[in-house]
Structures are given as structure tokens and as C-alpha cells.
N, C-alpha and C. Protein backbone atom coordinates (compact mmCIF):
# COMPACT_ATOMS: atom_id res chain seq x y z
N MET A 1 202.13 42.47 -45.21
CA MET A 1 202.73 43.37 -45.78
C MET A 1 201.84 43.61 -47.01
N SER A 2 201.59 44.67 -47.56
CA SER A 2 200.74 44.89 -48.79
C SER A 2 201.83 45.67 -49.82
N VAL A 3 201.30 45.36 -51.05
CA VAL A 3 202.22 45.93 -52.09
C VAL A 3 201.43 46.35 -53.21
N THR A 4 201.72 47.78 -53.64
CA THR A 4 200.69 48.37 -54.50
C THR A 4 201.82 48.70 -55.34
N SER A 5 201.05 48.36 -56.73
CA SER A 5 201.72 48.64 -58.09
C SER A 5 201.24 49.55 -58.83
N GLU A 6 201.97 50.30 -59.71
CA GLU A 6 201.71 51.36 -60.44
C GLU A 6 201.99 51.21 -61.82
N ALA A 7 201.14 51.93 -62.47
CA ALA A 7 201.37 52.22 -63.88
C ALA A 7 200.50 53.70 -64.25
N THR A 8 201.35 54.05 -65.01
CA THR A 8 200.75 55.67 -65.62
C THR A 8 200.58 55.48 -67.04
N THR A 9 199.24 55.90 -67.57
CA THR A 9 199.04 56.33 -69.03
C THR A 9 198.99 57.64 -69.40
N SER A 10 199.65 58.21 -70.34
CA SER A 10 199.84 59.52 -70.57
C SER A 10 199.11 59.35 -72.41
N TRP A 11 197.81 60.16 -72.52
CA TRP A 11 197.14 59.94 -73.37
C TRP A 11 196.79 61.38 -74.16
N THR A 12 196.98 61.57 -75.42
CA THR A 12 196.59 62.79 -76.35
C THR A 12 195.90 62.54 -77.21
N GLY A 13 194.82 63.27 -77.56
CA GLY A 13 194.01 62.94 -78.85
C GLY A 13 192.65 62.54 -78.48
N SER A 14 191.89 62.70 -79.53
CA SER A 14 190.36 61.94 -79.12
C SER A 14 190.82 60.27 -79.07
N LEU A 15 189.45 59.45 -78.98
CA LEU A 15 189.64 58.12 -78.85
C LEU A 15 190.10 57.61 -80.01
N ALA A 16 189.44 58.00 -81.13
CA ALA A 16 189.69 57.24 -82.35
C ALA A 16 190.77 57.76 -83.10
N GLU A 17 191.36 59.05 -82.75
CA GLU A 17 192.51 59.31 -83.64
C GLU A 17 193.80 59.55 -82.48
N GLY A 18 193.27 59.56 -81.31
CA GLY A 18 194.54 59.48 -80.21
C GLY A 18 195.41 58.59 -79.96
N SER A 19 196.31 58.48 -78.92
CA SER A 19 197.36 57.50 -78.71
C SER A 19 197.77 57.72 -77.50
N GLY A 20 198.43 56.82 -76.80
CA GLY A 20 199.04 57.06 -75.46
C GLY A 20 200.31 56.22 -75.04
N GLU A 21 201.11 56.50 -74.21
CA GLU A 21 201.91 55.77 -73.64
C GLU A 21 201.65 55.11 -72.14
N ILE A 22 202.18 53.78 -72.05
CA ILE A 22 201.82 53.35 -70.79
C ILE A 22 203.21 53.20 -70.04
N ALA A 23 203.54 53.59 -69.22
CA ALA A 23 204.93 53.27 -68.13
C ALA A 23 204.36 52.49 -67.11
N LEU A 24 205.19 51.56 -66.87
CA LEU A 24 205.00 50.60 -65.91
C LEU A 24 205.82 50.96 -64.56
N GLU A 25 205.26 51.70 -63.65
CA GLU A 25 206.13 52.91 -62.89
C GLU A 25 206.99 51.93 -61.98
N SER A 26 205.95 50.73 -61.27
CA SER A 26 206.68 49.93 -60.27
C SER A 26 208.09 49.22 -60.62
N SER A 27 207.78 48.81 -61.85
CA SER A 27 209.02 47.96 -62.26
C SER A 27 209.82 48.92 -63.24
N ASN A 28 209.46 50.12 -63.54
CA ASN A 28 210.32 51.15 -64.46
C ASN A 28 210.56 50.37 -65.92
N GLN A 29 209.38 49.49 -66.39
CA GLN A 29 209.29 49.33 -67.56
C GLN A 29 208.47 50.37 -68.54
N GLY A 30 208.93 50.20 -70.07
CA GLY A 30 208.07 50.69 -70.69
C GLY A 30 208.93 52.25 -71.45
N PRO A 31 208.46 53.17 -71.89
CA PRO A 31 206.79 53.05 -72.52
C PRO A 31 206.28 51.97 -73.33
N LEU A 32 205.20 51.91 -73.45
CA LEU A 32 204.40 50.75 -74.20
C LEU A 32 203.15 51.61 -74.87
N ALA A 33 203.41 51.47 -76.19
CA ALA A 33 202.19 52.44 -76.96
C ALA A 33 201.08 51.75 -76.94
N VAL A 34 200.08 52.44 -77.09
CA VAL A 34 198.54 51.86 -76.69
C VAL A 34 197.63 52.97 -77.70
N ASP A 35 196.64 52.47 -78.08
CA ASP A 35 195.70 53.09 -78.98
C ASP A 35 194.45 52.38 -79.12
N TRP A 36 193.42 53.12 -79.69
CA TRP A 36 192.15 52.65 -79.83
C TRP A 36 192.06 51.32 -81.06
N LYS A 37 192.74 51.92 -82.14
CA LYS A 37 193.04 51.09 -83.38
C LYS A 37 193.42 49.63 -83.05
N ALA A 38 194.44 49.58 -82.32
CA ALA A 38 195.12 48.64 -81.73
C ALA A 38 193.82 47.42 -80.77
N ARG A 39 193.33 48.66 -79.94
CA ARG A 39 192.25 47.78 -79.11
C ARG A 39 190.98 47.07 -79.72
N SER A 40 190.67 47.89 -81.08
CA SER A 40 189.51 47.77 -81.53
C SER A 40 189.50 46.70 -83.06
N GLU A 41 190.78 46.67 -83.42
CA GLU A 41 191.30 45.94 -84.69
C GLU A 41 192.53 45.05 -84.47
N GLY A 42 193.08 45.06 -83.49
CA GLY A 42 194.13 44.17 -83.22
C GLY A 42 195.45 45.12 -84.02
N SER A 43 196.63 44.47 -83.26
CA SER A 43 197.98 44.78 -83.74
C SER A 43 199.13 44.39 -83.11
N ALA A 44 200.01 43.91 -84.07
CA ALA A 44 201.60 43.47 -83.56
C ALA A 44 202.65 44.49 -83.03
N SER A 45 202.27 45.68 -83.13
CA SER A 45 203.13 46.55 -82.42
C SER A 45 202.57 47.52 -81.63
N VAL A 46 201.48 47.26 -81.25
CA VAL A 46 201.01 48.38 -79.98
C VAL A 46 200.02 47.44 -79.11
N THR A 47 200.40 48.02 -77.87
CA THR A 47 199.77 47.06 -76.72
C THR A 47 198.02 47.55 -76.46
N THR A 48 197.40 46.88 -75.65
CA THR A 48 196.28 46.96 -75.36
C THR A 48 195.92 46.84 -73.95
N PRO A 49 194.80 47.51 -73.26
CA PRO A 49 194.51 47.18 -71.96
C PRO A 49 194.08 45.34 -71.78
N GLU A 50 193.79 44.90 -72.79
CA GLU A 50 193.30 43.33 -72.70
C GLU A 50 194.75 42.48 -72.67
N GLU A 51 195.62 43.06 -73.39
CA GLU A 51 197.21 42.07 -73.63
C GLU A 51 197.58 42.40 -72.23
N LEU A 52 197.52 43.65 -71.82
CA LEU A 52 198.24 43.85 -70.38
C LEU A 52 197.17 42.83 -69.08
N LEU A 53 196.11 42.60 -69.12
CA LEU A 53 195.20 42.02 -68.52
C LEU A 53 195.69 40.69 -68.62
N ALA A 54 195.89 40.11 -69.72
CA ALA A 54 196.41 38.54 -70.10
C ALA A 54 197.62 38.41 -69.54
N ALA A 55 198.52 39.37 -69.57
CA ALA A 55 199.57 39.06 -68.81
C ALA A 55 199.45 39.09 -67.34
N ALA A 56 198.99 39.78 -66.77
CA ALA A 56 198.46 39.89 -65.33
C ALA A 56 197.92 38.18 -65.31
N HIS A 57 196.89 38.14 -65.92
CA HIS A 57 196.01 36.61 -65.77
C HIS A 57 197.04 35.37 -65.65
N SER A 58 197.92 35.32 -66.74
CA SER A 58 198.85 34.51 -67.08
C SER A 58 199.81 34.28 -66.11
N SER A 59 200.29 35.36 -65.70
CA SER A 59 201.55 35.34 -64.49
C SER A 59 200.90 34.99 -63.26
N CYS A 60 199.58 35.35 -62.93
CA CYS A 60 198.90 35.18 -61.40
C CYS A 60 198.49 33.59 -61.77
N PHE A 61 198.30 33.18 -62.57
CA PHE A 61 197.71 32.09 -62.89
C PHE A 61 198.81 30.97 -62.48
N SER A 62 199.95 31.32 -63.43
CA SER A 62 201.04 30.41 -63.10
C SER A 62 201.55 30.38 -62.09
N MET A 63 201.86 31.29 -60.62
CA MET A 63 202.27 31.25 -59.64
C MET A 63 201.15 30.49 -58.94
N ALA A 64 199.79 30.79 -58.84
CA ALA A 64 198.96 29.95 -57.99
C ALA A 64 198.63 28.74 -58.43
N LEU A 65 199.29 28.05 -59.93
CA LEU A 65 199.22 26.84 -59.84
C LEU A 65 200.60 26.12 -59.24
N SER A 66 201.50 26.92 -59.42
CA SER A 66 202.98 26.37 -58.75
C SER A 66 202.69 26.27 -57.59
N HIS A 67 202.10 27.02 -57.05
CA HIS A 67 201.99 27.04 -55.37
C HIS A 67 201.27 25.77 -55.03
N ALA A 68 200.06 25.83 -55.72
CA ALA A 68 199.05 24.66 -55.31
C ALA A 68 199.61 23.03 -55.55
N LEU A 69 200.44 23.00 -56.98
CA LEU A 69 201.28 21.92 -56.85
C LEU A 69 202.19 21.69 -55.88
N SER A 70 202.97 22.56 -55.54
CA SER A 70 203.77 22.36 -54.50
C SER A 70 203.25 22.18 -53.13
N GLU A 71 202.30 22.49 -53.03
CA GLU A 71 201.32 22.20 -51.69
C GLU A 71 200.78 20.84 -51.81
N HIS A 72 200.74 19.98 -53.02
CA HIS A 72 200.08 18.97 -53.03
C HIS A 72 201.45 17.79 -52.89
N GLY A 73 202.64 18.29 -52.98
CA GLY A 73 203.65 17.61 -52.83
C GLY A 73 204.47 17.13 -54.07
N THR A 74 203.92 18.01 -55.30
CA THR A 74 204.24 17.38 -56.48
C THR A 74 204.85 18.84 -57.24
N PRO A 75 205.99 19.64 -56.71
CA PRO A 75 206.40 20.78 -57.63
C PRO A 75 206.55 20.67 -58.75
N PRO A 76 206.04 21.68 -59.87
CA PRO A 76 206.37 21.60 -61.08
C PRO A 76 207.37 21.73 -61.41
N THR A 77 207.96 21.05 -62.92
CA THR A 77 209.23 21.36 -63.21
C THR A 77 209.16 22.67 -64.14
N SER A 78 208.21 22.98 -65.02
CA SER A 78 207.78 23.72 -65.51
C SER A 78 206.47 24.01 -65.93
N ILE A 79 206.18 25.36 -66.00
CA ILE A 79 204.56 25.71 -66.19
C ILE A 79 204.23 26.89 -67.33
N GLU A 80 203.91 26.65 -68.21
CA GLU A 80 203.52 27.84 -69.28
C GLU A 80 202.36 28.12 -69.73
N THR A 81 201.68 29.29 -69.39
CA THR A 81 200.67 29.56 -69.47
C THR A 81 200.28 30.84 -70.41
N THR A 82 199.30 30.83 -71.21
CA THR A 82 198.97 31.87 -72.40
C THR A 82 197.41 32.36 -71.93
N ALA A 83 197.17 33.68 -71.52
CA ALA A 83 195.90 33.88 -71.15
C ALA A 83 195.65 34.50 -72.50
N SER A 84 194.22 34.50 -72.99
CA SER A 84 193.63 35.14 -73.99
C SER A 84 192.40 35.74 -73.51
N VAL A 85 192.46 37.31 -73.72
CA VAL A 85 191.30 37.82 -73.10
C VAL A 85 190.62 38.49 -74.15
N THR A 86 189.43 38.23 -74.38
CA THR A 86 188.46 38.94 -75.38
C THR A 86 187.94 40.31 -75.25
N PHE A 87 188.07 41.07 -76.11
CA PHE A 87 187.31 42.67 -75.91
C PHE A 87 186.78 42.74 -77.23
N ILE A 88 185.16 43.12 -77.01
CA ILE A 88 184.20 43.54 -77.97
C ILE A 88 184.32 44.99 -77.97
N PRO A 89 184.55 45.48 -79.15
CA PRO A 89 183.98 47.25 -78.88
C PRO A 89 182.43 47.18 -78.54
N GLY A 90 182.03 48.13 -77.64
CA GLY A 90 180.77 48.34 -77.57
C GLY A 90 180.18 47.66 -76.36
N THR A 91 180.74 46.22 -76.28
CA THR A 91 180.46 45.40 -75.45
C THR A 91 181.53 45.29 -73.92
N GLY A 92 182.90 45.31 -74.23
CA GLY A 92 183.62 45.19 -73.36
C GLY A 92 184.52 43.94 -73.21
N ILE A 93 185.16 43.68 -72.30
CA ILE A 93 185.82 42.63 -71.90
C ILE A 93 185.17 41.20 -71.74
N THR A 94 184.98 40.48 -72.32
CA THR A 94 183.86 39.34 -72.35
C THR A 94 184.36 38.00 -71.56
N GLY A 95 185.87 37.95 -71.55
CA GLY A 95 186.33 36.90 -71.36
C GLY A 95 187.76 36.62 -71.12
N SER A 96 188.33 35.29 -70.38
CA SER A 96 189.92 35.07 -70.38
C SER A 96 189.83 33.71 -70.43
N HIS A 97 190.79 33.27 -71.55
CA HIS A 97 190.84 31.60 -71.66
C HIS A 97 192.44 31.28 -71.26
N LEU A 98 192.33 30.47 -70.39
CA LEU A 98 193.75 30.15 -69.89
C LEU A 98 194.07 29.05 -70.58
N ASN A 99 195.41 29.12 -71.06
CA ASN A 99 195.60 27.96 -71.51
C ASN A 99 197.18 27.09 -71.32
N VAL A 100 197.35 26.45 -70.31
CA VAL A 100 198.54 25.94 -69.59
C VAL A 100 198.81 24.39 -70.13
N ASN A 101 200.33 24.74 -70.11
CA ASN A 101 201.14 23.18 -70.32
C ASN A 101 202.04 23.23 -69.14
N ALA A 102 201.95 22.20 -68.41
CA ALA A 102 203.01 21.90 -67.34
C ALA A 102 203.60 20.58 -67.33
N ASP A 103 204.82 20.44 -66.72
CA ASP A 103 205.70 19.54 -66.45
C ASP A 103 205.68 19.16 -65.01
N VAL A 104 204.89 18.00 -64.72
CA VAL A 104 204.68 18.02 -63.05
C VAL A 104 204.96 16.35 -62.87
N PRO A 105 206.29 16.05 -62.57
CA PRO A 105 206.32 14.56 -62.22
C PRO A 105 205.69 13.94 -61.30
N GLY A 106 205.16 12.51 -61.54
CA GLY A 106 204.37 12.09 -60.46
C GLY A 106 202.95 12.53 -60.23
N LEU A 107 202.56 13.30 -60.90
CA LEU A 107 201.07 13.56 -61.05
C LEU A 107 200.18 12.87 -61.67
N SER A 108 198.85 12.52 -61.35
CA SER A 108 198.14 11.79 -62.01
C SER A 108 197.38 12.93 -62.89
N ALA A 109 196.85 12.53 -64.12
CA ALA A 109 195.92 13.47 -64.93
C ALA A 109 194.92 13.98 -64.05
N GLU A 110 194.04 13.00 -63.21
CA GLU A 110 193.02 13.67 -62.41
C GLU A 110 193.47 14.79 -61.34
N ASP A 111 194.36 14.16 -60.68
CA ASP A 111 194.75 15.53 -59.93
C ASP A 111 195.31 16.82 -60.62
N PHE A 112 195.94 16.74 -61.67
CA PHE A 112 196.25 17.77 -62.34
C PHE A 112 194.93 18.56 -62.74
N ALA A 113 194.11 18.06 -63.28
CA ALA A 113 192.93 18.72 -63.77
C ALA A 113 192.06 19.22 -62.48
N ARG A 114 192.21 18.76 -61.32
CA ARG A 114 191.40 19.17 -60.02
C ARG A 114 192.31 20.02 -59.60
N ILE A 115 193.49 20.43 -59.43
CA ILE A 115 194.43 21.33 -58.92
C ILE A 115 194.58 22.31 -59.76
N THR A 116 194.51 22.41 -61.42
CA THR A 116 194.47 23.58 -62.22
C THR A 116 192.95 24.30 -61.68
N GLU A 117 191.91 23.47 -61.79
CA GLU A 117 190.61 24.13 -61.60
C GLU A 117 190.89 25.16 -60.25
N GLU A 118 191.33 24.39 -59.22
CA GLU A 118 191.57 25.15 -58.10
C GLU A 118 192.05 26.15 -58.16
N ALA A 119 193.65 26.14 -58.78
CA ALA A 119 194.38 27.33 -59.15
C ALA A 119 193.55 28.58 -59.69
N LYS A 120 192.77 28.10 -60.71
CA LYS A 120 192.10 29.16 -61.61
C LYS A 120 191.04 29.79 -60.74
N SER A 121 190.31 29.41 -59.56
CA SER A 121 189.55 29.93 -58.85
C SER A 121 190.44 30.40 -57.65
N GLY A 122 191.32 30.18 -57.29
CA GLY A 122 191.94 30.64 -56.30
C GLY A 122 192.94 32.06 -56.81
N CYS A 123 193.49 32.01 -58.14
CA CYS A 123 194.42 33.46 -58.40
C CYS A 123 193.63 34.24 -58.14
N PRO A 124 194.41 35.13 -57.67
CA PRO A 124 193.98 36.82 -56.85
C PRO A 124 193.34 37.48 -58.77
N VAL A 125 194.00 37.35 -59.63
CA VAL A 125 193.51 38.08 -61.01
C VAL A 125 192.08 37.55 -61.34
N SER A 126 192.14 36.10 -61.14
CA SER A 126 190.96 35.48 -61.69
C SER A 126 189.60 35.80 -60.69
N GLN A 127 190.01 36.22 -59.34
CA GLN A 127 188.90 36.45 -58.66
C GLN A 127 188.43 37.71 -58.77
N ALA A 128 189.61 38.78 -59.29
CA ALA A 128 189.31 40.18 -59.76
C ALA A 128 188.53 40.32 -60.73
N LEU A 129 188.47 39.34 -61.97
CA LEU A 129 187.89 39.12 -63.51
C LEU A 129 186.61 38.48 -63.17
N ALA A 130 185.79 38.10 -61.73
CA ALA A 130 184.54 37.54 -61.53
C ALA A 130 183.69 37.86 -62.33
N GLY A 131 183.47 39.10 -62.86
CA GLY A 131 182.19 39.29 -63.80
C GLY A 131 182.36 38.74 -65.31
N ILE A 132 183.41 38.08 -65.61
CA ILE A 132 183.45 37.55 -66.86
C ILE A 132 183.86 35.88 -66.93
N GLU A 133 183.34 35.44 -68.03
CA GLU A 133 183.75 33.87 -68.15
C GLU A 133 185.17 33.76 -68.28
N ILE A 134 185.74 32.74 -67.08
CA ILE A 134 187.09 32.29 -67.49
C ILE A 134 186.87 30.82 -67.72
N THR A 135 187.79 30.60 -68.65
CA THR A 135 187.77 29.47 -69.06
C THR A 135 189.26 28.77 -69.01
N LEU A 136 189.41 27.50 -69.18
CA LEU A 136 190.91 26.73 -68.88
C LEU A 136 190.85 25.30 -69.43
N GLU A 137 192.18 25.39 -70.26
CA GLU A 137 192.55 24.23 -71.04
C GLU A 137 193.86 23.85 -70.76
N ALA A 138 193.71 22.70 -69.81
CA ALA A 138 195.25 22.31 -69.17
C ALA A 138 195.72 21.10 -69.78
N THR A 139 197.05 21.09 -70.03
CA THR A 139 197.66 19.67 -70.38
C THR A 139 199.03 19.28 -69.97
N LEU A 140 198.99 18.37 -69.04
CA LEU A 140 199.94 17.77 -68.17
C LEU A 140 201.06 17.09 -69.27
N ALA A 141 202.23 17.31 -69.29
CA ALA A 141 203.53 17.18 -70.27
C ALA A 141 203.81 16.17 -69.91
């Protein structure tokens, strides 16, 4: 079974002076404000495509890691993943850094390092982002 997720952005005005709203249609969430100033300068109150991509990457990686750990026979107690997606105006999206902290009883540090790398490669969002550098920092609690 395939699942298609949808989001809609309504934009008014030029790139520099305009703004938009994102509606997450599949989950009926939003609206989320979006504009160029937030994307190029940062903002604590307006989202960006990169923040939405970071949300997708952190959640996908957490699911992939949970699955991989469970398949290994060491299901996690908890996983917390932060994805930091970098955007450079005029260049584009240049990378995604995954910072994960997991509590996995009975797992060695060596196995954790190997499994997190495998999860990074196997995560569908990581695969979709194959054109950028993806780095990983993993800590076993």
C-alpha cells in the first residue's frame, strides 16, 4: 500500500516582500507562516522549508533507528533525534546533521555506532537527500 502525503502553500507577493502559509493537508495541521526573511536570516516564529525538511529527517531517522535496533534484538527505550538542515542563500541546501541520543539497554557502543550508521543510510528521507552531505553524531545513554 502506498501513502501520499500532501501540503499546500499559499504565497502572496514577491520573494523578498511576500509571505505564505503552509497547510499540512494530510494531517490537517497548520497554517504555518513562511517567508524569505526567515529562510535567509532565521526566525523564532516563522518556519522555513529547511525546518520542515529537518522535521521530516529527524522523524524518519528515529523510525529507521527504532526498527533497526528492534531487528537487532535490542529495542530502544527512547530515541531523541535533532536534524539541523543548513541553507545558504544563492547556494541552496548544503547538509543535514543528525544528532541522536538513545537509551538502548544491553547494546554495546560499537553495535550502536554501526546500527545508527545503517539507519542513516536506510532512512528514506536520507535517501531522498542523497545530493547533500548527511552527518551523524550518536550518543548512547
